[in-house]
Amino acid sequence: MPTIADFMADIKETLGLNIDDAEWSDGALAYNIGLAIDHVKVQDLNRSSRRGDEVANMSEVSRFVVPLSTDDTYGMRYFDMPGPVYDLPHNGGIDHIAYYRLGLPANCPPQVARVQYSPTTWKLLPLIQHDPLQRPSEERPRYIRERNKTWVIGQSPQITSVQMGLYLSFPPLSNIDINEEINLAPQLLFNVRRMVLQSGNWLMLQPQERLLNDGRANNVGTETRPTPPIMSINDQVLNPQPD
């Protein structure tokens, strides 16, 4: 699989940025590549979810074991998210949360050991507390996800860690390693490249120091750069057709 650095070199070569007066900084280019990767990944994950194909999404799930902490203000337990996740429909970027088996108390019943957490919200929590079939318990623990924190409700006080699967998004610029391979299915690479090139075409049409940026550092009028076609809102890259 290509790396971010490979992608950056290809984009610069295709747009002529290696010989032209125009510049696209490595940081800005890596950021645009990350935006395109996130956009294409979310499309693919949503498409697989609509088909009910959970196996197709497993390659995008990152597994973690995290310790639980207690909030002194509310007296509730929570864990910090290991990284930024996609805000996906239905699961909010969380594939699953379960008891960490190696951290379970001795002689824990099997029906508890295999339990997974179910999502809820702060609005629904008071309503389900009075329903014996829905209220949080050791057999039916719940979680509420906030931006960088997830609250867990109903588990035994003896539980100290949970294991989870997350759909992690592209890392922040400060954490990007451009020499790492892109974690993306090969058939999706073309859409990422196309989206970044579209952004680059827009950049090349913006006036710079000499008020001319035609794609090649020539004198005024010696070469013209045609305006790229406008991308339709119905384009498959922006709005893929359902399966």
Foldseek 3Di string as FASTA:
>chain_A
DAFLVVLVVVLCVVLVVVAAPDDDDPLNLSVLLQVLLQLLVLVVVVLCVVVVNVVVCPLQKDKDKFWWDADPVPRFIKTWDPAFADCHPPPGFWPWKAFDQVQDDPPDDPLLRPATAAEDEPVCQVVCCPPPVAHAASNHKYWYDDRGMITIPHHDPSGTMMMTIGRHGDHDSVPDDRRDHDSDDPVSVVLSSVSSSVVVLVSQCQQDDVGDRQSHHDDPPPDHHDRDDDDDCPDCSNPNDHD
